[in-house]
Amino acid sequence: MRFQLSLGFLAIVLLLCVICVYTILSSIGVQSIFSDLKSEIIPAQLQRAI
């Protein structure tokens, strides 16, 4: 019984770690996409203003 509780606790902690890593990697990916878009959009807006 005690072994099953330890195993369940370990599985929950591992699942939380996987979710955290996935969230961090996803936010980095989204941030890089937005920075790429920003670098393309802002120079185009500046050229229209000139």
PDB file of N, CA and C in Angstrom:
ATOM      1  N   MET A   1       0.828  -1.204   0.000  1.00  0.00           N
ATOM      2  CA  MET A   1       0.000   0.000   0.000  1.00  0.00           C
ATOM      3  C   MET A   1       0.866   1.260   0.000  1.00  0.00           C
ATOM      4  N   ARG A   2       1.886   1.238   0.847  1.00  0.00           N
ATOM      5  CA  ARG A   2       2.762   2.401   0.931  1.00  0.00           C
ATOM      6  C   ARG A   2       3.528   2.607  -0.387  1.00  0.00           C
ATOM      7  N   PHE A   3       3.915   1.500  -1.013  1.00  0.00           N
ATOM      8  CA  PHE A   3       4.629   1.585  -2.295  1.00  0.00           C
ATOM      9  C   PHE A   3       3.737   2.197  -3.372  1.00  0.00           C
ATOM     10  N   GLN A   4       2.461   1.837  -3.390  1.00  0.00           N
ATOM     11  CA  GLN A   4       1.533   2.389  -4.379  1.00  0.00           C
ATOM     12  C   GLN A   4       1.332   3.886  -4.166  1.00  0.00           C
ATOM     13  N   LEU A   5       1.270   4.323  -2.907  1.00  0.00           N
ATOM     14  CA  LEU A   5       1.138   5.755  -2.620  1.00  0.00           C
ATOM     15  C   LEU A   5       2.375   6.512  -3.082  1.00  0.00           C
ATOM     16  N   SER A   6       3.543   5.943  -2.829  1.00  0.00           N
ATOM     17  CA  SER A   6       4.785   6.586  -3.266  1.00  0.00           C
ATOM     18  C   SER A   6       4.851   6.658  -4.786  1.00  0.00           C
ATOM     19  N   LEU A   7       4.436   5.570  -5.426  1.00  0.00           N
ATOM     20  CA  LEU A   7       4.449   5.538  -6.883  1.00  0.00           C
ATOM     21  C   LEU A   7       3.462   6.542  -7.470  1.00  0.00           C
ATOM     22  N   GLY A   8       2.285   6.651  -6.865  1.00  0.00           N
ATOM     23  CA  GLY A   8       1.298   7.628  -7.320  1.00  0.00           C
ATOM     24  C   GLY A   8       1.788   9.051  -7.134  1.00  0.00           C
ATOM     25  N   PHE A   9       2.404   9.331  -5.987  1.00  0.00           N
ATOM     26  CA  PHE A   9       2.951  10.662  -5.727  1.00  0.00           C
ATOM     27  C   PHE A   9       4.039  11.000  -6.732  1.00  0.00           C
ATOM     28  N   LEU A  10       4.896  10.033  -7.006  1.00  0.00           N
ATOM     29  CA  LEU A  10       5.969  10.238  -7.984  1.00  0.00           C
ATOM     30  C   LEU A  10       5.398  10.495  -9.373  1.00  0.00           C
ATOM     31  N   ALA A  11       4.343   9.787  -9.739  1.00  0.00           N
ATOM     32  CA  ALA A  11       3.712   9.983 -11.045  1.00  0.00           C
ATOM     33  C   ALA A  11       3.096  11.378 -11.149  1.00  0.00           C
ATOM     34  N   ILE A  12       2.470  11.856 -10.072  1.00  0.00           N
ATOM     35  CA  ILE A  12       1.870  13.196 -10.081  1.00  0.00           C
ATOM     36  C   ILE A  12       2.949  14.266 -10.192  1.00  0.00           C
ATOM     37  N   VAL A  13       4.025  14.117  -9.461  1.00  0.00           N
ATOM     38  CA  VAL A  13       5.127  15.087  -9.527  1.00  0.00           C
ATOM     39  C   VAL A  13       5.753  15.092 -10.915  1.00  0.00           C
ATOM     40  N   LEU A  14       5.936  13.921 -11.497  1.00  0.00           N
ATOM     41  CA  LEU A  14       6.506  13.832 -12.844  1.00  0.00           C
ATOM     42  C   LEU A  14       5.590  14.470 -13.879  1.00  0.00           C
ATOM     43  N   LEU A  15       4.287  14.248 -13.743  1.00  0.00           N
ATOM     44  CA  LEU A  15       3.324  14.853 -14.654  1.00  0.00           C
ATOM     45  C   LEU A  15       3.337  16.378 -14.538  1.00  0.00           C
ATOM     46  N   LEU A  16       3.423  16.890 -13.329  1.00  0.00           N
ATOM     47  CA  LEU A  16       3.490  18.344 -13.139  1.00  0.00           C
ATOM     48  C   LEU A  16       4.764  18.924 -13.746  1.00  0.00           C
ATOM     49  N   CYS A  17       5.875  18.220 -13.616  1.00  0.00           N
ATOM     50  CA  CYS A  17       7.133  18.687 -14.216  1.00  0.00           C
ATOM     51  C   CYS A  17       7.036  18.715 -15.734  1.00  0.00           C
ATOM     52  N   VAL A  18       6.430  17.691 -16.313  1.00  0.00           N
ATOM     53  CA  VAL A  18       6.272  17.637 -17.768  1.00  0.00           C
ATOM     54  C   VAL A  18       5.379  18.781 -18.239  1.00  0.00           C
ATOM     55  N   ILE A  19       4.302  19.056 -17.517  1.00  0.00           N
ATOM     56  CA  ILE A  19       3.408  20.155 -17.886  1.00  0.00           C
ATOM     57  C   ILE A  19       4.136  21.491 -17.803  1.00  0.00           C
ATOM     58  N   CYS A  20       4.930  21.689 -16.758  1.00  0.00           N
ATOM     59  CA  CYS A  20       5.683  22.942 -16.609  1.00  0.00           C
ATOM     60  C   CYS A  20       6.690  23.123 -17.742  1.00  0.00           C
ATOM     61  N   VAL A  21       7.421  22.082 -18.078  1.00  0.00           N
ATOM     62  CA  VAL A  21       8.413  22.176 -19.156  1.00  0.00           C
ATOM     63  C   VAL A  21       7.719  22.449 -20.487  1.00  0.00           C
ATOM     64  N   TYR A  22       6.602  21.782 -20.745  1.00  0.00           N
ATOM     65  CA  TYR A  22       5.861  22.007 -21.986  1.00  0.00           C
ATOM     66  C   TYR A  22       5.356  23.445 -22.066  1.00  0.00           C
ATOM     67  N   THR A  23       4.859  23.976 -20.945  1.00  0.00           N
ATOM     68  CA  THR A  23       4.362  25.351 -20.922  1.00  0.00           C
ATOM     69  C   THR A  23       5.484  26.344 -21.174  1.00  0.00           C
ATOM     70  N   ILE A  24       6.625  26.128 -20.568  1.00  0.00           N
ATOM     71  CA  ILE A  24       7.766  27.037 -20.758  1.00  0.00           C
ATOM     72  C   ILE A  24       8.237  27.000 -22.210  1.00  0.00           C
ATOM     73  N   LEU A  25       8.362  25.808 -22.783  1.00  0.00           N
ATOM     74  CA  LEU A  25       8.813  25.702 -24.172  1.00  0.00           C
ATOM     75  C   LEU A  25       7.796  26.306 -25.135  1.00  0.00           C
ATOM     76  N   SER A  26       6.519  26.137 -24.849  1.00  0.00           N
ATOM     77  CA  SER A  26       5.489  26.713 -25.707  1.00  0.00           C
ATOM     78  C   SER A  26       5.520  28.234 -25.646  1.00  0.00           C
ATOM     79  N   SER A  27       5.708  28.789 -24.459  1.00  0.00           N
ATOM     80  CA  SER A  27       5.734  30.246 -24.334  1.00  0.00           C
ATOM     81  C   SER A  27       6.962  30.828 -25.028  1.00  0.00           C
ATOM     82  N   ILE A  28       8.077  30.111 -24.977  1.00  0.00           N
ATOM     83  CA  ILE A  28       9.275  30.573 -25.691  1.00  0.00           C
ATOM     84  C   ILE A  28       9.028  30.539 -27.193  1.00  0.00           C
ATOM     85  N   GLY A  29       8.361  29.487 -27.672  1.00  0.00           N
ATOM     86  CA  GLY A  29       8.063  29.383 -29.099  1.00  0.00           C
ATOM     87  C   GLY A  29       7.127  30.479 -29.569  1.00  0.00           C
ATOM     88  N   VAL A  30       6.092  30.765 -28.786  1.00  0.00           N
ATOM     89  CA  VAL A  30       5.147  31.827 -29.139  1.00  0.00           C
ATOM     90  C   VAL A  30       5.846  33.179 -29.105  1.00  0.00           C
ATOM     91  N   GLN A  31       6.708  33.375 -28.114  1.00  0.00           N
ATOM     92  CA  GLN A  31       7.429  34.640 -28.008  1.00  0.00           C
ATOM     93  C   GLN A  31       8.337  34.854 -29.223  1.00  0.00           C
ATOM     94  N   SER A  32       8.987  33.805 -29.694  1.00  0.00           N
ATOM     95  CA  SER A  32       9.859  33.954 -30.868  1.00  0.00           C
ATOM     96  C   SER A  32       9.035  34.238 -32.124  1.00  0.00           C
ATOM     97  N   ILE A  33       7.849  33.652 -32.233  1.00  0.00           N
ATOM     98  CA  ILE A  33       6.990  33.933 -33.379  1.00  0.00           C
ATOM     99  C   ILE A  33       6.572  35.396 -33.382  1.00  0.00           C
ATOM    100  N   PHE A  34       6.174  35.907 -32.214  1.00  0.00           N
ATOM    101  CA  PHE A  34       5.767  37.307 -32.143  1.00  0.00           C
ATOM    102  C   PHE A  34       6.932  38.253 -32.400  1.00  0.00           C
ATOM    103  N   SER A  35       8.123  37.900 -31.948  1.00  0.00           N
ATOM    104  CA  SER A  35       9.262  38.777 -32.211  1.00  0.00           C
ATOM    105  C   SER A  35       9.607  38.784 -33.700  1.00  0.00           C
ATOM    106  N   ASP A  36       9.453  37.629 -34.374  1.00  0.00           N
ATOM    107  CA  ASP A  36       9.668  37.584 -35.824  1.00  0.00           C
ATOM    108  C   ASP A  36       8.638  38.443 -36.548  1.00  0.00           C
ATOM    109  N   LEU A  37       7.381  38.338 -36.122  1.00  0.00           N
ATOM    110  CA  LEU A  37       6.332  39.152 -36.742  1.00  0.00           C
ATOM    111  C   LEU A  37       6.584  40.638 -36.510  1.00  0.00           C
ATOM    112  N   LYS A  38       7.002  40.979 -35.290  1.00  0.00           N
ATOM    113  CA  LYS A  38       7.252  42.378 -34.970  1.00  0.00           C
ATOM    114  C   LYS A  38       8.393  42.929 -35.812  1.00  0.00           C
ATOM    115  N   SER A  39       9.432  42.132 -36.023  1.00  0.00           N
ATOM    116  CA  SER A  39      10.564  42.605 -36.818  1.00  0.00           C
ATOM    117  C   SER A  39      10.183  42.784 -38.280  1.00  0.00           C
ATOM    118  N   GLU A  40       9.165  42.070 -38.744  1.00  0.00           N
ATOM    119  CA  GLU A  40       8.719  42.244 -40.130  1.00  0.00           C
ATOM    120  C   GLU A  40       7.696  43.366 -40.266  1.00  0.00           C
ATOM    121  N   ILE A  41       6.852  43.558 -39.266  1.00  0.00           N
ATOM    122  CA  ILE A  41       5.760  44.528 -39.369  1.00  0.00           C
ATOM    123  C   ILE A  41       6.256  45.947 -39.130  1.00  0.00           C
ATOM    124  N   ILE A  42       7.079  46.160 -38.121  1.00  0.00           N
ATOM    125  CA  ILE A  42       7.482  47.528 -37.774  1.00  0.00           C
ATOM    126  C   ILE A  42       8.271  48.193 -38.896  1.00  0.00           C
ATOM    127  N   PRO A  43       9.257  47.546 -39.535  1.00  0.00           N
ATOM    128  CA  PRO A  43       9.941  48.222 -40.657  1.00  0.00           C
ATOM    129  C   PRO A  43       8.978  48.546 -41.814  1.00  0.00           C
ATOM    130  N   ALA A  44       8.001  47.701 -42.051  1.00  0.00           N
ATOM    131  CA  ALA A  44       7.030  47.985 -43.119  1.00  0.00           C
ATOM    132  C   ALA A  44       6.202  49.220 -42.768  1.00  0.00           C
ATOM    133  N   GLN A  45       5.826  49.364 -41.523  1.00  0.00           N
ATOM    134  CA  GLN A  45       5.068  50.543 -41.092  1.00  0.00           C
ATOM    135  C   GLN A  45       5.932  51.804 -41.195  1.00  0.00           C
ATOM    136  N   LEU A  46       7.221  51.671 -40.889  1.00  0.00           N
ATOM    137  CA  LEU A  46       8.113  52.837 -40.988  1.00  0.00           C
ATOM    138  C   LEU A  46       8.295  53.254 -42.436  1.00  0.00           C
ATOM    139  N   GLN A  47       8.350  52.310 -43.362  1.00  0.00           N
ATOM    140  CA  GLN A  47       8.495  52.650 -44.773  1.00  0.00           C
ATOM    141  C   GLN A  47       7.255  53.350 -45.293  1.00  0.00           C
ATOM    142  N   ARG A  48       6.088  52.981 -44.805  1.00  0.00           N
ATOM    143  CA  ARG A  48       4.864  53.648 -45.234  1.00  0.00           C
ATOM    144  C   ARG A  48       4.803  55.069 -44.699  1.00  0.00           C
ATOM    145  N   ALA A  49       5.351  55.302 -43.513  1.00  0.00           N
ATOM    146  CA  ALA A  49       5.318  56.627 -42.911  1.00  0.00           C
ATOM    147  C   ALA A  49       6.240  57.585 -43.648  1.00  0.00           C
ATOM    148  N   ILE A  50       7.280  57.055 -44.263  1.00  0.00           N
ATOM    149  CA  ILE A  50       8.257  57.917 -44.963  1.00  0.00           C
ATOM    150  C   ILE A  50       7.767  58.186 -46.318  1.00  0.00           C
TER     151      ILE A  50
END
